[in-house]
Amino acid sequence: DADPDNKGVNDPEFGAYSYGDESENLPANRKALGGKSINDYTATKETIYFFEDALLPGTKVFLQRLLQESDTTKFLPRQIAESTPLTNDELSQILKKFSLKPESKGASYVKNTVKNCERPEMRGETKYCAASLETFVDSGVSILGKNIKLLSNEIVDETKNPSFKIGKGVRTVGGNEVVCHKMTYPHAVYLCHSIEGTEVYKVPLVSDDGTKAKAMAVCHKDTSAWSPNHIAFKILKVKPGTVPICHFLGRDTLVWVSN
């Protein structure tokens, strides 16, 4: 169900490192999609992909992944992290290092991380994988310069209610960005990438039980390079390159932006 020539965000499996391994079943919220039919994606109300004009006060969103338990794995020191590169050539050594059997669930996560770290950059994308704090910072600086800041999702109080309404004060925090997705791996690994024509938003939220949060969302202005098989087009019923496509970022996703 995937074109072997597709790479990166124009690959139907692109969502695998943004939203877990269930990219074939990503659902969406009707109201956040402007009432568009989402036929095959009504099993749950999770808000994933949506249009930019949905970022308005009062829009209801369902953000289960914003409430997921944080991944507490830590970075390795650079010298140790670089001793076993995240490449397919080193895969057997990586599995051995962490005592993972090749057919185990843990090994499948490692393989997925290595696959995404090794894939070629798509058109208009700059990407890197960081397994150490030094690489995480240095690579962000190399792309955006030294005058940068790091943003994250913010939740005032923990809640189990994933139903939120967008509040007043949605604001853009810039178009110079590096979005860093935390991968599932035995130690901290972030897949970071900057895609041309991406706008980053800070979105104030209030849950049904009154819990306040500020969620990170990104809108991709140009999707002309994406595969027509991408799950976002199936959800939103649009074609590549026609309209900006937005999505919220997972709990542990971090974003470098120009200060």
C-alpha atoms as a PDB file:
ATOM      1  CA  ASP A   1       0.000   0.000   0.000  1.00  0.00           C
ATOM      2  CA  ALA A   2       2.996   2.316  -0.390  1.00  0.00           C
ATOM      3  CA  ASP A   3       4.880   3.548  -3.426  1.00  0.00           C
ATOM      4  CA  PRO A   4       8.554   2.537  -2.921  1.00  0.00           C
ATOM      5  CA  ASP A   5       9.654   5.727  -4.675  1.00  0.00           C
ATOM      6  CA  ASN A   6       7.908   8.001  -2.191  1.00  0.00           C
ATOM      7  CA  LYS A   7      10.188   9.682   0.325  1.00  0.00           C
ATOM      8  CA  GLY A   8       9.664  11.646   3.510  1.00  0.00           C
ATOM      9  CA  VAL A   9       6.520  13.701   3.957  1.00  0.00           C
ATOM     10  CA  ASN A  10       5.381  12.647   0.486  1.00  0.00           C
ATOM     11  CA  ASP A  11       5.382   9.025   1.642  1.00  0.00           C
ATOM     12  CA  PRO A  12       2.065   7.531   2.853  1.00  0.00           C
ATOM     13  CA  GLU A  13       3.962   6.287   5.920  1.00  0.00           C
ATOM     14  CA  PHE A  14       5.115   9.831   6.788  1.00  0.00           C
ATOM     15  CA  GLY A  15       2.810   9.999   9.817  1.00  0.00           C
ATOM     16  CA  ALA A  16       4.476   6.978  11.392  1.00  0.00           C
ATOM     17  CA  TYR A  17       7.006   9.073  13.271  1.00  0.00           C
ATOM     18  CA  SER A  18       4.553  11.833  14.111  1.00  0.00           C
ATOM     19  CA  TYR A  19       1.607   9.849  15.441  1.00  0.00           C
ATOM     20  CA  GLY A  20       2.741   6.292  16.123  1.00  0.00           C
ATOM     21  CA  ASP A  21       2.556   3.227  13.909  1.00  0.00           C
ATOM     22  CA  GLU A  22      -1.169   3.292  13.107  1.00  0.00           C
ATOM     23  CA  SER A  23      -0.938   5.794  10.227  1.00  0.00           C
ATOM     24  CA  GLU A  24      -3.397   3.785   8.120  1.00  0.00           C
ATOM     25  CA  ASN A  25      -6.127   4.413  10.702  1.00  0.00           C
ATOM     26  CA  LEU A  26      -5.700   8.107  11.488  1.00  0.00           C
ATOM     27  CA  PRO A  27      -9.110   9.674  12.165  1.00  0.00           C
ATOM     28  CA  ALA A  28     -10.221  13.305  12.273  1.00  0.00           C
ATOM     29  CA  ASN A  29     -12.714  15.623  13.938  1.00  0.00           C
ATOM     30  CA  ARG A  30     -15.702  16.674  11.803  1.00  0.00           C
ATOM     31  CA  LYS A  31     -16.059  20.193  13.131  1.00  0.00           C
ATOM     32  CA  ALA A  32     -12.342  20.930  12.784  1.00  0.00           C
ATOM     33  CA  LEU A  33     -12.636  19.842   9.169  1.00  0.00           C
ATOM     34  CA  GLY A  34     -15.389  22.314   8.445  1.00  0.00           C
ATOM     35  CA  GLY A  35     -18.091  19.632   8.307  1.00  0.00           C
ATOM     36  CA  LYS A  36     -16.473  17.691   5.478  1.00  0.00           C
ATOM     37  CA  SER A  37     -17.357  14.018   5.201  1.00  0.00           C
ATOM     38  CA  ILE A  38     -14.627  11.768   6.575  1.00  0.00           C
ATOM     39  CA  ASN A  39     -16.433   8.483   5.861  1.00  0.00           C
ATOM     40  CA  ASP A  40     -13.737   5.983   6.847  1.00  0.00           C
ATOM     41  CA  TYR A  41     -12.373   7.950   9.797  1.00  0.00           C
ATOM     42  CA  THR A  42     -15.320   8.260  12.172  1.00  0.00           C
ATOM     43  CA  ALA A  43     -14.421   5.408  14.510  1.00  0.00           C
ATOM     44  CA  THR A  44     -12.860   7.905  16.931  1.00  0.00           C
ATOM     45  CA  LYS A  45     -12.845  11.695  17.147  1.00  0.00           C
ATOM     46  CA  GLU A  46      -9.084  12.276  17.206  1.00  0.00           C
ATOM     47  CA  THR A  47      -8.191  15.548  15.505  1.00  0.00           C
ATOM     48  CA  ILE A  48      -5.169  15.014  13.287  1.00  0.00           C
ATOM     49  CA  TYR A  49      -5.192  16.858   9.958  1.00  0.00           C
ATOM     50  CA  PHE A  50      -7.336  19.951   9.425  1.00  0.00           C
ATOM     51  CA  PHE A  51      -7.590  23.178   7.424  1.00  0.00           C
ATOM     52  CA  GLU A  52      -5.958  26.414   8.558  1.00  0.00           C
ATOM     53  CA  ASP A  53      -9.281  28.237   8.882  1.00  0.00           C
ATOM     54  CA  ALA A  54     -10.259  25.833  11.677  1.00  0.00           C
ATOM     55  CA  LEU A  55      -7.808  27.608  14.018  1.00  0.00           C
ATOM     56  CA  LEU A  56     -10.545  29.820  15.414  1.00  0.00           C
ATOM     57  CA  PRO A  57     -11.896  30.330  18.970  1.00  0.00           C
ATOM     58  CA  GLY A  58     -14.661  27.858  19.718  1.00  0.00           C
ATOM     59  CA  THR A  59     -13.507  25.102  17.345  1.00  0.00           C
ATOM     60  CA  LYS A  60     -13.718  21.787  19.159  1.00  0.00           C
ATOM     61  CA  VAL A  61     -10.767  19.420  18.894  1.00  0.00           C
ATOM     62  CA  PHE A  62     -10.094  15.998  20.345  1.00  0.00           C
ATOM     63  CA  LEU A  63      -6.404  15.608  21.203  1.00  0.00           C
ATOM     64  CA  GLN A  64      -5.751  12.232  22.765  1.00  0.00           C
ATOM     65  CA  ARG A  65      -2.052  12.321  21.849  1.00  0.00           C
ATOM     66  CA  LEU A  66      -1.612  15.606  23.691  1.00  0.00           C
ATOM     67  CA  LEU A  67      -2.444  13.751  26.909  1.00  0.00           C
ATOM     68  CA  GLN A  68      -0.328  10.673  26.341  1.00  0.00           C
ATOM     69  CA  GLU A  69       2.279   9.855  28.959  1.00  0.00           C
ATOM     70  CA  SER A  70       5.561  11.626  28.314  1.00  0.00           C
ATOM     71  CA  ASP A  71       8.524   9.579  27.140  1.00  0.00           C
ATOM     72  CA  THR A  72      11.176   9.893  29.854  1.00  0.00           C
ATOM     73  CA  THR A  73      14.120   8.400  27.937  1.00  0.00           C
ATOM     74  CA  LYS A  74      17.241  10.581  28.129  1.00  0.00           C
ATOM     75  CA  PHE A  75      19.881  11.620  25.638  1.00  0.00           C
ATOM     76  CA  LEU A  76      23.209   9.810  25.584  1.00  0.00           C
ATOM     77  CA  PRO A  77      26.508  11.742  25.719  1.00  0.00           C
ATOM     78  CA  ARG A  78      27.585  12.568  22.156  1.00  0.00           C
ATOM     79  CA  GLN A  79      30.634  10.246  22.163  1.00  0.00           C
ATOM     80  CA  ILE A  80      28.548   7.251  23.225  1.00  0.00           C
ATOM     81  CA  ALA A  81      25.632   8.100  20.894  1.00  0.00           C
ATOM     82  CA  GLU A  82      27.915   8.412  17.883  1.00  0.00           C
ATOM     83  CA  SER A  83      29.650   5.097  18.622  1.00  0.00           C
ATOM     84  CA  THR A  84      26.649   3.270  17.153  1.00  0.00           C
ATOM     85  CA  PRO A  85      25.234   5.325  14.239  1.00  0.00           C
ATOM     86  CA  LEU A  86      21.513   5.100  13.452  1.00  0.00           C
ATOM     87  CA  THR A  87      22.010   3.253  10.175  1.00  0.00           C
ATOM     88  CA  ASN A  88      20.752   0.001   8.743  1.00  0.00           C
ATOM     89  CA  ASP A  89      24.369  -1.185   8.455  1.00  0.00           C
ATOM     90  CA  GLU A  90      24.629  -1.008  12.243  1.00  0.00           C
ATOM     91  CA  LEU A  91      21.186  -2.491  12.936  1.00  0.00           C
ATOM     92  CA  SER A  92      22.403  -5.868  14.190  1.00  0.00           C
ATOM     93  CA  GLN A  93      24.860  -4.142  16.541  1.00  0.00           C
ATOM     94  CA  ILE A  94      22.132  -1.784  17.800  1.00  0.00           C
ATOM     95  CA  LEU A  95      19.809  -4.692  18.602  1.00  0.00           C
ATOM     96  CA  LYS A  96      22.646  -6.555  20.300  1.00  0.00           C
ATOM     97  CA  LYS A  97      23.600  -3.451  22.308  1.00  0.00           C
ATOM     98  CA  PHE A  98      20.091  -3.236  23.771  1.00  0.00           C
ATOM     99  CA  SER A  99      19.545  -7.025  24.023  1.00  0.00           C
ATOM    100  CA  LEU A 100      16.621  -6.941  21.587  1.00  0.00           C
ATOM    101  CA  LYS A 101      15.583 -10.006  19.623  1.00  0.00           C
ATOM    102  CA  PRO A 102      15.161  -9.222  15.881  1.00  0.00           C
ATOM    103  CA  GLU A 103      11.452 -10.159  15.862  1.00  0.00           C
ATOM    104  CA  SER A 104      10.532  -8.405  19.116  1.00  0.00           C
ATOM    105  CA  LYS A 105       8.288  -5.339  19.396  1.00  0.00           C
ATOM    106  CA  GLY A 106      11.212  -3.318  20.695  1.00  0.00           C
ATOM    107  CA  ALA A 107      13.230  -4.244  17.619  1.00  0.00           C
ATOM    108  CA  SER A 108      10.397  -3.086  15.349  1.00  0.00           C
ATOM    109  CA  TYR A 109      10.526   0.375  16.978  1.00  0.00           C
ATOM    110  CA  VAL A 110      14.298   0.487  16.534  1.00  0.00           C
ATOM    111  CA  LYS A 111      13.965  -0.510  12.857  1.00  0.00           C
ATOM    112  CA  ASN A 112      11.314   2.180  12.293  1.00  0.00           C
ATOM    113  CA  THR A 113      13.546   4.831  13.875  1.00  0.00           C
ATOM    114  CA  VAL A 114      16.549   3.787  11.791  1.00  0.00           C
ATOM    115  CA  LYS A 115      14.413   3.734   8.640  1.00  0.00           C
ATOM    116  CA  ASN A 116      13.157   7.274   9.224  1.00  0.00           C
ATOM    117  CA  CYS A 117      16.598   8.591  10.174  1.00  0.00           C
ATOM    118  CA  GLU A 118      18.136   7.116   7.008  1.00  0.00           C
ATOM    119  CA  ARG A 119      15.493   8.140   4.498  1.00  0.00           C
ATOM    120  CA  PRO A 120      16.533  10.806   1.973  1.00  0.00           C
ATOM    121  CA  GLU A 121      15.358  14.370   2.439  1.00  0.00           C
ATOM    122  CA  MET A 122      12.289  15.326   0.446  1.00  0.00           C
ATOM    123  CA  ARG A 123      12.208  18.402  -1.770  1.00  0.00           C
ATOM    124  CA  GLY A 124      12.370  21.522   0.416  1.00  0.00           C
ATOM    125  CA  GLU A 125      13.282  19.583   3.574  1.00  0.00           C
ATOM    126  CA  THR A 126      16.343  19.669   5.820  1.00  0.00           C
ATOM    127  CA  LYS A 127      16.504  16.853   8.359  1.00  0.00           C
ATOM    128  CA  TYR A 128      18.684  15.188  10.987  1.00  0.00           C
ATOM    129  CA  CYS A 129      18.384  12.707  13.841  1.00  0.00           C
ATOM    130  CA  ALA A 130      19.739  13.689  17.247  1.00  0.00           C
ATOM    131  CA  ALA A 131      20.688  11.091  19.858  1.00  0.00           C
ATOM    132  CA  SER A 132      22.633  13.529  22.048  1.00  0.00           C
ATOM    133  CA  LEU A 133      21.833  16.948  23.470  1.00  0.00           C
ATOM    134  CA  GLU A 134      24.884  18.396  21.721  1.00  0.00           C
ATOM    135  CA  THR A 135      23.683  17.215  18.305  1.00  0.00           C
ATOM    136  CA  PHE A 136      20.127  18.362  19.064  1.00  0.00           C
ATOM    137  CA  VAL A 137      21.295  21.908  19.816  1.00  0.00           C
ATOM    138  CA  ASP A 138      24.147  22.213  17.303  1.00  0.00           C
ATOM    139  CA  SER A 139      22.018  21.026  14.392  1.00  0.00           C
ATOM    140  CA  GLY A 140      19.225  23.445  15.277  1.00  0.00           C
ATOM    141  CA  VAL A 141      21.750  26.283  15.346  1.00  0.00           C
ATOM    142  CA  SER A 142      23.251  25.197  12.008  1.00  0.00           C
ATOM    143  CA  ILE A 143      19.825  25.485  10.341  1.00  0.00           C
ATOM    144  CA  LEU A 144      18.351  28.562  12.055  1.00  0.00           C
ATOM    145  CA  GLY A 145      21.335  30.368  13.573  1.00  0.00           C
ATOM    146  CA  LYS A 146      22.133  31.109  17.212  1.00  0.00           C
ATOM    147  CA  ASN A 147      19.162  33.390  17.933  1.00  0.00           C
ATOM    148  CA  ILE A 148      16.596  30.620  18.456  1.00  0.00           C
ATOM    149  CA  LYS A 149      14.259  29.330  21.157  1.00  0.00           C
ATOM    150  CA  LEU A 150      12.728  25.940  21.889  1.00  0.00           C
ATOM    151  CA  LEU A 151       8.947  25.535  22.147  1.00  0.00           C
ATOM    152  CA  SER A 152       6.828  22.654  23.423  1.00  0.00           C
ATOM    153  CA  ASN A 153       3.252  21.759  24.222  1.00  0.00           C
ATOM    154  CA  GLU A 154       2.159  23.120  27.601  1.00  0.00           C
ATOM    155  CA  ILE A 155      -0.489  21.627  29.904  1.00  0.00           C
ATOM    156  CA  VAL A 156      -1.270  23.470  33.135  1.00  0.00           C
ATOM    157  CA  ASP A 157      -2.745  20.420  34.901  1.00  0.00           C
ATOM    158  CA  GLU A 158      -2.860  16.786  33.895  1.00  0.00           C
ATOM    159  CA  THR A 159      -6.280  15.700  32.655  1.00  0.00           C
ATOM    160  CA  LYS A 160      -7.787  12.578  31.158  1.00  0.00           C
ATOM    161  CA  ASN A 161     -10.318  14.562  29.130  1.00  0.00           C
ATOM    162  CA  PRO A 162      -8.992  14.954  25.557  1.00  0.00           C
ATOM    163  CA  SER A 163     -11.906  17.130  24.401  1.00  0.00           C
ATOM    164  CA  PHE A 164     -10.799  20.769  24.035  1.00  0.00           C
ATOM    165  CA  LYS A 165     -12.036  24.022  22.555  1.00  0.00           C
ATOM    166  CA  ILE A 166      -9.668  26.478  20.919  1.00  0.00           C
ATOM    167  CA  GLY A 167      -9.509  29.686  22.963  1.00  0.00           C
ATOM    168  CA  LYS A 168      -8.690  33.260  22.066  1.00  0.00           C
ATOM    169  CA  GLY A 169      -5.138  34.223  21.214  1.00  0.00           C
ATOM    170  CA  VAL A 170      -4.068  31.766  18.508  1.00  0.00           C
ATOM    171  CA  ARG A 171      -0.785  33.165  17.274  1.00  0.00           C
ATOM    172  CA  THR A 172       1.877  32.298  14.773  1.00  0.00           C
ATOM    173  CA  VAL A 173       5.394  31.905  16.122  1.00  0.00           C
ATOM    174  CA  GLY A 174       7.081  32.013  12.739  1.00  0.00           C
ATOM    175  CA  GLY A 175       7.891  30.245   9.535  1.00  0.00           C
ATOM    176  CA  ASN A 176      11.552  29.504  10.326  1.00  0.00           C
ATOM    177  CA  GLU A 177      11.281  26.265  12.226  1.00  0.00           C
ATOM    178  CA  VAL A 178      12.720  22.856  12.971  1.00  0.00           C
ATOM    179  CA  VAL A 179      10.146  20.368  14.258  1.00  0.00           C
ATOM    180  CA  CYS A 180      11.616  17.542  16.352  1.00  0.00           C
ATOM    181  CA  HIS A 181       9.598  14.344  16.810  1.00  0.00           C
ATOM    182  CA  LYS A 182      10.663  12.071  19.669  1.00  0.00           C
ATOM    183  CA  MET A 183      11.064   8.540  18.363  1.00  0.00           C
ATOM    184  CA  THR A 184      10.353   5.322  20.244  1.00  0.00           C
ATOM    185  CA  TYR A 185      13.843   4.066  21.055  1.00  0.00           C
ATOM    186  CA  PRO A 186      15.797   2.726  24.074  1.00  0.00           C
ATOM    187  CA  HIS A 187      17.308   6.191  24.603  1.00  0.00           C
ATOM    188  CA  ALA A 188      16.232   9.655  23.466  1.00  0.00           C
ATOM    189  CA  VAL A 189      16.291  10.123  19.694  1.00  0.00           C
ATOM    190  CA  TYR A 190      14.639  13.075  17.973  1.00  0.00           C
ATOM    191  CA  LEU A 191      13.948  13.163  14.268  1.00  0.00           C
ATOM    192  CA  CYS A 192      14.145  16.858  13.434  1.00  0.00           C
ATOM    193  CA  HIS A 193      13.231  18.459  10.137  1.00  0.00           C
ATOM    194  CA  SER A 194      12.544  21.830   8.608  1.00  0.00           C
ATOM    195  CA  ILE A 195      10.141  21.940   5.654  1.00  0.00           C
ATOM    196  CA  GLU A 196       9.901  25.026   3.466  1.00  0.00           C
ATOM    197  CA  GLY A 197       6.546  26.792   3.621  1.00  0.00           C
ATOM    198  CA  THR A 198       5.631  25.631   7.132  1.00  0.00           C
ATOM    199  CA  GLU A 199       3.976  27.960   9.641  1.00  0.00           C
ATOM    200  CA  VAL A 200       4.069  27.200  13.383  1.00  0.00           C
ATOM    201  CA  TYR A 201       1.165  28.147  15.669  1.00  0.00           C
ATOM    202  CA  LYS A 202       0.722  28.267  19.419  1.00  0.00           C
ATOM    203  CA  VAL A 203      -2.907  27.340  20.107  1.00  0.00           C
ATOM    204  CA  PRO A 204      -4.585  28.067  23.488  1.00  0.00           C
ATOM    205  CA  LEU A 205      -6.981  25.309  24.556  1.00  0.00           C
ATOM    206  CA  VAL A 206      -9.518  24.737  27.309  1.00  0.00           C
ATOM    207  CA  SER A 207     -10.784  21.225  28.018  1.00  0.00           C
ATOM    208  CA  ASP A 208     -14.339  20.352  28.996  1.00  0.00           C
ATOM    209  CA  ASP A 209     -13.201  20.062  32.629  1.00  0.00           C
ATOM    210  CA  GLY A 210     -11.534  23.497  32.552  1.00  0.00           C
ATOM    211  CA  THR A 211      -7.940  22.339  32.083  1.00  0.00           C
ATOM    212  CA  LYS A 212      -5.912  24.874  30.114  1.00  0.00           C
ATOM    213  CA  ALA A 213      -3.199  24.030  27.616  1.00  0.00           C
ATOM    214  CA  LYS A 214      -1.181  25.535  24.792  1.00  0.00           C
ATOM    215  CA  ALA A 215      -0.702  23.163  21.893  1.00  0.00           C
ATOM    216  CA  MET A 216       1.740  23.376  19.023  1.00  0.00           C
ATOM    217  CA  ALA A 217       0.315  23.101  15.514  1.00  0.00           C
ATOM    218  CA  VAL A 218       1.948  23.416  12.106  1.00  0.00           C
ATOM    219  CA  CYS A 219       0.455  24.295   8.735  1.00  0.00           C
ATOM    220  CA  HIS A 220       2.174  23.161   5.551  1.00  0.00           C
ATOM    221  CA  LYS A 221       1.482  25.807   2.911  1.00  0.00           C
ATOM    222  CA  ASP A 222       2.757  23.795  -0.048  1.00  0.00           C
ATOM    223  CA  THR A 223       1.825  20.111  -0.328  1.00  0.00           C
ATOM    224  CA  SER A 224       2.495  19.794  -4.061  1.00  0.00           C
ATOM    225  CA  ALA A 225       5.394  17.382  -3.436  1.00  0.00           C
ATOM    226  CA  TRP A 226       3.336  15.041  -1.269  1.00  0.00           C
ATOM    227  CA  SER A 227       2.076  11.748  -2.586  1.00  0.00           C
ATOM    228  CA  PRO A 228      -1.648  11.713  -3.476  1.00  0.00           C
ATOM    229  CA  ASN A 229      -1.758   8.587  -1.289  1.00  0.00           C
ATOM    230  CA  HIS A 230      -0.861  10.567   1.820  1.00  0.00           C
ATOM    231  CA  ILE A 231      -3.350   9.933   4.612  1.00  0.00           C
ATOM    232  CA  ALA A 232      -4.044  13.678   5.008  1.00  0.00           C
ATOM    233  CA  PHE A 233      -5.634  13.853   1.546  1.00  0.00           C
ATOM    234  CA  LYS A 234      -7.837  10.852   2.332  1.00  0.00           C
ATOM    235  CA  ILE A 235      -9.045  12.528   5.513  1.00  0.00           C
ATOM    236  CA  LEU A 236      -9.574  16.023   4.104  1.00  0.00           C
ATOM    237  CA  LYS A 237     -10.772  14.986   0.629  1.00  0.00           C
ATOM    238  CA  VAL A 238      -8.406  17.360  -1.191  1.00  0.00           C
ATOM    239  CA  LYS A 239      -5.564  16.977  -3.686  1.00  0.00           C
ATOM    240  CA  PRO A 240      -1.852  17.770  -3.293  1.00  0.00           C
ATOM    241  CA  GLY A 241      -0.910  21.431  -3.648  1.00  0.00           C
ATOM    242  CA  THR A 242      -4.458  22.798  -3.426  1.00  0.00           C
ATOM    243  CA  VAL A 243      -4.771  24.109   0.151  1.00  0.00           C
ATOM    244  CA  PRO A 244      -2.564  24.376   3.262  1.00  0.00           C
ATOM    245  CA  ILE A 245      -2.802  21.326   5.523  1.00  0.00           C
ATOM    246  CA  CYS A 246      -2.354  21.600   9.279  1.00  0.00           C
ATOM    247  CA  HIS A 247      -1.844  19.166  12.142  1.00  0.00           C
ATOM    248  CA  PHE A 248      -1.258  19.275  15.881  1.00  0.00           C
ATOM    249  CA  LEU A 249       2.019  17.978  17.286  1.00  0.00           C
ATOM    250  CA  GLY A 250       2.337  15.100  19.744  1.00  0.00           C
ATOM    251  CA  ARG A 251       3.010  15.523  23.475  1.00  0.00           C
ATOM    252  CA  ASP A 252       6.793  15.145  23.295  1.00  0.00           C
ATOM    253  CA  THR A 253       7.389  17.034  20.054  1.00  0.00           C
ATOM    254  CA  LEU A 254       9.714  20.043  20.342  1.00  0.00           C
ATOM    255  CA  VAL A 255      10.070  22.965  17.924  1.00  0.00           C
ATOM    256  CA  TRP A 256      13.031  25.246  17.319  1.00  0.00           C
ATOM    257  CA  VAL A 257      11.993  28.675  15.991  1.00  0.00           C
ATOM    258  CA  SER A 258      13.871  31.864  15.237  1.00  0.00           C
ATOM    259  CA  ASN A 259      13.721  34.192  18.231  1.00  0.00           C
END
